[in-house]
């Protein structure tokens, strides 16, 4: 398995989809699997039902479901690595964990006023969360892919270089 981690707006979902096509691998979107498991349709509903604790437990259940599938690309939620059991499961499952390293200002520009991102509702709290997560991303990652506004094609090529190195 190849996992993509990083803050909101880093481009994990877009890269996962494009990389999956290029490598002819299935893409497992943790958020989508959380919606299936919880029978909810968006992140705000997940938070309304049980807060961040409920989300983190649901993400772990999603990872456990993904682990039963063929090799693929795991599109992780931005905060998945903050929950120790999920972080441990991800490290156990993925041979490559690529951290999409994005500057907070670019992430904020990309996320904007997306109402499906309840943890980005308050920009100053989001920035605090960003800085708290940086060392976690770096600790878990096997590789770092800087995101600075390059095209998706360039990002895919850079990710493929990471996947095929060794």
C-alpha atoms as a PDB file:
ATOM      1  CA  UNK A   1       0.000   0.000   0.000  1.00  0.00           C
ATOM      2  CA  UNK A   2       0.991   3.585  -0.661  1.00  0.00           C
ATOM      3  CA  UNK A   3      -0.493   6.167   1.708  1.00  0.00           C
ATOM      4  CA  UNK A   4      -0.810   9.909   1.156  1.00  0.00           C
ATOM      5  CA  UNK A   5      -0.846  12.084   4.266  1.00  0.00           C
ATOM      6  CA  UNK A   6      -0.842  15.831   4.762  1.00  0.00           C
ATOM      7  CA  UNK A   7      -2.860  18.813   5.863  1.00  0.00           C
ATOM      8  CA  UNK A   8      -6.204  19.861   4.418  1.00  0.00           C
ATOM      9  CA  UNK A   9      -5.785  21.332   0.942  1.00  0.00           C
ATOM     10  CA  UNK A  10      -2.487  19.543   0.224  1.00  0.00           C
ATOM     11  CA  UNK A  11      -4.041  17.698  -2.715  1.00  0.00           C
ATOM     12  CA  UNK A  12      -4.148  14.164  -1.322  1.00  0.00           C
ATOM     13  CA  UNK A  13      -7.430  13.211  -3.014  1.00  0.00           C
ATOM     14  CA  UNK A  14      -6.496  14.649  -6.400  1.00  0.00           C
ATOM     15  CA  UNK A  15      -3.056  13.059  -6.315  1.00  0.00           C
ATOM     16  CA  UNK A  16      -4.466   9.707  -5.124  1.00  0.00           C
ATOM     17  CA  UNK A  17      -6.945   9.580  -8.002  1.00  0.00           C
ATOM     18  CA  UNK A  18      -4.347  10.521 -10.638  1.00  0.00           C
ATOM     19  CA  UNK A  19      -1.603   8.328  -9.195  1.00  0.00           C
ATOM     20  CA  UNK A  20      -4.013   5.405  -8.960  1.00  0.00           C
ATOM     21  CA  UNK A  21      -4.828   5.782 -12.663  1.00  0.00           C
ATOM     22  CA  UNK A  22      -1.176   6.065 -13.634  1.00  0.00           C
ATOM     23  CA  UNK A  23      -0.142   3.019 -11.577  1.00  0.00           C
ATOM     24  CA  UNK A  24      -3.341   1.080 -12.354  1.00  0.00           C
ATOM     25  CA  UNK A  25      -4.024   0.694  -8.621  1.00  0.00           C
ATOM     26  CA  UNK A  26      -7.261   1.076  -6.657  1.00  0.00           C
ATOM     27  CA  UNK A  27      -7.680   4.199  -4.541  1.00  0.00           C
ATOM     28  CA  UNK A  28      -9.080   3.892  -1.031  1.00  0.00           C
ATOM     29  CA  UNK A  29     -10.476   7.199   0.222  1.00  0.00           C
ATOM     30  CA  UNK A  30     -10.604   7.014   4.005  1.00  0.00           C
ATOM     31  CA  UNK A  31     -13.221   9.795   4.229  1.00  0.00           C
ATOM     32  CA  UNK A  32     -15.541   7.998   1.773  1.00  0.00           C
ATOM     33  CA  UNK A  33     -15.187   4.742   3.686  1.00  0.00           C
ATOM     34  CA  UNK A  34     -15.954   6.627   6.921  1.00  0.00           C
ATOM     35  CA  UNK A  35     -19.193   7.873   5.311  1.00  0.00           C
ATOM     36  CA  UNK A  36     -20.096   4.300   4.317  1.00  0.00           C
ATOM     37  CA  UNK A  37     -19.297   2.929   7.787  1.00  0.00           C
ATOM     38  CA  UNK A  38     -21.221   5.662   9.614  1.00  0.00           C
ATOM     39  CA  UNK A  39     -24.038   5.903   7.049  1.00  0.00           C
ATOM     40  CA  UNK A  40     -23.463   9.662   6.886  1.00  0.00           C
ATOM     41  CA  UNK A  41     -22.791  11.801   3.837  1.00  0.00           C
ATOM     42  CA  UNK A  42     -20.271  14.460   4.884  1.00  0.00           C
ATOM     43  CA  UNK A  43     -17.717  15.392   7.503  1.00  0.00           C
ATOM     44  CA  UNK A  44     -19.981  17.920   9.219  1.00  0.00           C
ATOM     45  CA  UNK A  45     -22.517  15.145   9.885  1.00  0.00           C
ATOM     46  CA  UNK A  46     -19.752  12.921  11.294  1.00  0.00           C
ATOM     47  CA  UNK A  47     -18.725  15.720  13.670  1.00  0.00           C
ATOM     48  CA  UNK A  48     -22.331  16.438  14.613  1.00  0.00           C
ATOM     49  CA  UNK A  49     -22.859  12.766  15.470  1.00  0.00           C
ATOM     50  CA  UNK A  50     -19.833  12.245  17.699  1.00  0.00           C
ATOM     51  CA  UNK A  51     -17.188  14.906  17.305  1.00  0.00           C
ATOM     52  CA  UNK A  52     -13.551  14.335  16.475  1.00  0.00           C
ATOM     53  CA  UNK A  53     -13.350  11.245  18.699  1.00  0.00           C
ATOM     54  CA  UNK A  54     -16.071   9.541  16.628  1.00  0.00           C
ATOM     55  CA  UNK A  55     -14.277  10.519  13.408  1.00  0.00           C
ATOM     56  CA  UNK A  56     -10.942   9.070  14.581  1.00  0.00           C
ATOM     57  CA  UNK A  57     -12.532   5.769  15.623  1.00  0.00           C
ATOM     58  CA  UNK A  58     -14.323   5.611  12.255  1.00  0.00           C
ATOM     59  CA  UNK A  59     -11.043   6.261  10.416  1.00  0.00           C
ATOM     60  CA  UNK A  60      -9.452   3.327  12.230  1.00  0.00           C
ATOM     61  CA  UNK A  61     -12.372   1.114  11.171  1.00  0.00           C
ATOM     62  CA  UNK A  62     -11.880   2.364   7.598  1.00  0.00           C
ATOM     63  CA  UNK A  63      -8.174   1.438   7.688  1.00  0.00           C
ATOM     64  CA  UNK A  64      -9.043  -2.015   8.979  1.00  0.00           C
ATOM     65  CA  UNK A  65     -11.460  -2.456   6.063  1.00  0.00           C
ATOM     66  CA  UNK A  66      -8.845  -1.214   3.559  1.00  0.00           C
ATOM     67  CA  UNK A  67      -6.287  -3.688   4.930  1.00  0.00           C
ATOM     68  CA  UNK A  68      -8.446  -6.548   3.600  1.00  0.00           C
ATOM     69  CA  UNK A  69      -8.185  -5.259   0.031  1.00  0.00           C
ATOM     70  CA  UNK A  70      -5.538  -5.544  -2.702  1.00  0.00           C
ATOM     71  CA  UNK A  71      -2.589  -3.154  -2.766  1.00  0.00           C
ATOM     72  CA  UNK A  72      -3.568   0.394  -3.619  1.00  0.00           C
ATOM     73  CA  UNK A  73      -3.322   4.072  -2.775  1.00  0.00           C
ATOM     74  CA  UNK A  74      -4.727   5.200   0.587  1.00  0.00           C
ATOM     75  CA  UNK A  75      -6.035   8.778   0.597  1.00  0.00           C
ATOM     76  CA  UNK A  76      -5.854   9.603   4.323  1.00  0.00           C
ATOM     77  CA  UNK A  77      -7.833  12.241   6.130  1.00  0.00           C
ATOM     78  CA  UNK A  78      -5.660  15.142   7.272  1.00  0.00           C
ATOM     79  CA  UNK A  79      -5.890  14.275  10.971  1.00  0.00           C
ATOM     80  CA  UNK A  80      -5.758  10.484  10.760  1.00  0.00           C
ATOM     81  CA  UNK A  81      -2.171  10.421  12.055  1.00  0.00           C
ATOM     82  CA  UNK A  82      -3.190  12.262  15.242  1.00  0.00           C
ATOM     83  CA  UNK A  83      -4.921   9.122  16.555  1.00  0.00           C
ATOM     84  CA  UNK A  84      -2.253   6.680  17.735  1.00  0.00           C
ATOM     85  CA  UNK A  85      -4.084   3.439  16.783  1.00  0.00           C
ATOM     86  CA  UNK A  86      -4.714   4.750  13.239  1.00  0.00           C
ATOM     87  CA  UNK A  87      -1.140   5.962  12.899  1.00  0.00           C
ATOM     88  CA  UNK A  88       0.150   2.548  13.994  1.00  0.00           C
ATOM     89  CA  UNK A  89      -2.213   0.725  11.614  1.00  0.00           C
ATOM     90  CA  UNK A  90      -1.134   2.948   8.719  1.00  0.00           C
ATOM     91  CA  UNK A  91       2.556   2.334   9.427  1.00  0.00           C
ATOM     92  CA  UNK A  92       1.860  -1.399   9.561  1.00  0.00           C
ATOM     93  CA  UNK A  93      -0.087  -1.372   6.254  1.00  0.00           C
ATOM     94  CA  UNK A  94       1.814   1.010   3.983  1.00  0.00           C
ATOM     95  CA  UNK A  95       5.231   0.397   2.505  1.00  0.00           C
ATOM     96  CA  UNK A  96       5.355   4.055   1.426  1.00  0.00           C
ATOM     97  CA  UNK A  97       3.791   6.937   3.364  1.00  0.00           C
ATOM     98  CA  UNK A  98       4.153  10.095   1.316  1.00  0.00           C
ATOM     99  CA  UNK A  99       3.705  13.356   3.202  1.00  0.00           C
ATOM    100  CA  UNK A 100       2.392  16.132   0.947  1.00  0.00           C
ATOM    101  CA  UNK A 101       4.128  19.083   2.574  1.00  0.00           C
ATOM    102  CA  UNK A 102       2.116  22.252   1.890  1.00  0.00           C
ATOM    103  CA  UNK A 103       2.565  25.742   3.314  1.00  0.00           C
ATOM    104  CA  UNK A 104      -0.350  26.816   5.525  1.00  0.00           C
ATOM    105  CA  UNK A 105      -1.149  29.902   3.414  1.00  0.00           C
ATOM    106  CA  UNK A 106      -1.464  27.817   0.245  1.00  0.00           C
ATOM    107  CA  UNK A 107      -3.627  25.272   2.109  1.00  0.00           C
ATOM    108  CA  UNK A 108      -5.896  28.063   3.361  1.00  0.00           C
ATOM    109  CA  UNK A 109      -6.126  29.497  -0.147  1.00  0.00           C
ATOM    110  CA  UNK A 110      -7.136  26.084  -1.532  1.00  0.00           C
ATOM    111  CA  UNK A 111      -9.619  25.181   1.205  1.00  0.00           C
ATOM    112  CA  UNK A 112     -11.243  28.605   1.350  1.00  0.00           C
ATOM    113  CA  UNK A 113     -14.754  28.467   2.786  1.00  0.00           C
ATOM    114  CA  UNK A 114     -15.364  24.742   2.249  1.00  0.00           C
ATOM    115  CA  UNK A 115     -18.155  23.959   4.709  1.00  0.00           C
ATOM    116  CA  UNK A 116     -17.284  20.230   4.575  1.00  0.00           C
ATOM    117  CA  UNK A 117     -14.106  20.931   6.539  1.00  0.00           C
ATOM    118  CA  UNK A 118     -15.279  21.695  10.065  1.00  0.00           C
ATOM    119  CA  UNK A 119     -11.734  21.726  11.436  1.00  0.00           C
ATOM    120  CA  UNK A 120     -10.864  24.604   9.083  1.00  0.00           C
ATOM    121  CA  UNK A 121     -13.825  26.789  10.088  1.00  0.00           C
ATOM    122  CA  UNK A 122     -11.643  29.063  12.229  1.00  0.00           C
ATOM    123  CA  UNK A 123      -8.444  30.022  10.369  1.00  0.00           C
ATOM    124  CA  UNK A 124      -6.375  30.713  13.500  1.00  0.00           C
ATOM    125  CA  UNK A 125      -7.395  27.374  15.042  1.00  0.00           C
ATOM    126  CA  UNK A 126      -6.648  25.676  11.718  1.00  0.00           C
ATOM    127  CA  UNK A 127      -3.182  27.232  11.660  1.00  0.00           C
ATOM    128  CA  UNK A 128      -2.543  26.077  15.227  1.00  0.00           C
ATOM    129  CA  UNK A 129      -3.685  22.560  14.233  1.00  0.00           C
ATOM    130  CA  UNK A 130      -1.406  22.721  11.153  1.00  0.00           C
ATOM    131  CA  UNK A 131       1.678  23.502  13.269  1.00  0.00           C
ATOM    132  CA  UNK A 132       0.749  20.827  15.829  1.00  0.00           C
ATOM    133  CA  UNK A 133       0.491  18.180  13.092  1.00  0.00           C
ATOM    134  CA  UNK A 134       3.701  19.016  11.188  1.00  0.00           C
ATOM    135  CA  UNK A 135       6.004  16.928  13.403  1.00  0.00           C
ATOM    136  CA  UNK A 136       3.499  14.042  13.325  1.00  0.00           C
ATOM    137  CA  UNK A 137       3.429  14.014   9.517  1.00  0.00           C
ATOM    138  CA  UNK A 138       7.221  14.105   9.372  1.00  0.00           C
ATOM    139  CA  UNK A 139       7.586  11.333  11.944  1.00  0.00           C
ATOM    140  CA  UNK A 140       5.194   8.970  10.132  1.00  0.00           C
ATOM    141  CA  UNK A 141       6.283   9.715   6.556  1.00  0.00           C
ATOM    142  CA  UNK A 142       8.696   7.524   4.674  1.00  0.00           C
ATOM    143  CA  UNK A 143       8.969  10.283   2.055  1.00  0.00           C
ATOM    144  CA  UNK A 144       8.185  13.995   1.753  1.00  0.00           C
ATOM    145  CA  UNK A 145       6.720  15.566  -1.386  1.00  0.00           C
ATOM    146  CA  UNK A 146       6.759  19.384  -1.261  1.00  0.00           C
ATOM    147  CA  UNK A 147       3.568  20.951  -2.644  1.00  0.00           C
ATOM    148  CA  UNK A 148       4.098  24.481  -3.895  1.00  0.00           C
ATOM    149  CA  UNK A 149       1.446  24.902  -6.564  1.00  0.00           C
ATOM    150  CA  UNK A 150       2.944  22.673  -9.254  1.00  0.00           C
ATOM    151  CA  UNK A 151       0.562  21.082 -11.773  1.00  0.00           C
ATOM    152  CA  UNK A 152      -1.088  17.772 -10.929  1.00  0.00           C
ATOM    153  CA  UNK A 153       0.903  16.146 -13.748  1.00  0.00           C
ATOM    154  CA  UNK A 154       4.162  17.332 -12.178  1.00  0.00           C
ATOM    155  CA  UNK A 155       3.010  16.181  -8.740  1.00  0.00           C
ATOM    156  CA  UNK A 156       2.143  12.742 -10.127  1.00  0.00           C
ATOM    157  CA  UNK A 157       5.578  12.443 -11.753  1.00  0.00           C
ATOM    158  CA  UNK A 158       7.280  13.460  -8.490  1.00  0.00           C
ATOM    159  CA  UNK A 159       5.174  10.925  -6.569  1.00  0.00           C
ATOM    160  CA  UNK A 160       6.030   8.205  -9.093  1.00  0.00           C
ATOM    161  CA  UNK A 161       9.719   8.955  -8.601  1.00  0.00           C
ATOM    162  CA  UNK A 162       9.185   8.346  -4.878  1.00  0.00           C
ATOM    163  CA  UNK A 163       7.200   5.150  -5.460  1.00  0.00           C
ATOM    164  CA  UNK A 164       9.862   3.690  -7.748  1.00  0.00           C
ATOM    165  CA  UNK A 165      12.982   4.734  -5.811  1.00  0.00           C
ATOM    166  CA  UNK A 166      14.946   2.061  -3.926  1.00  0.00           C
END
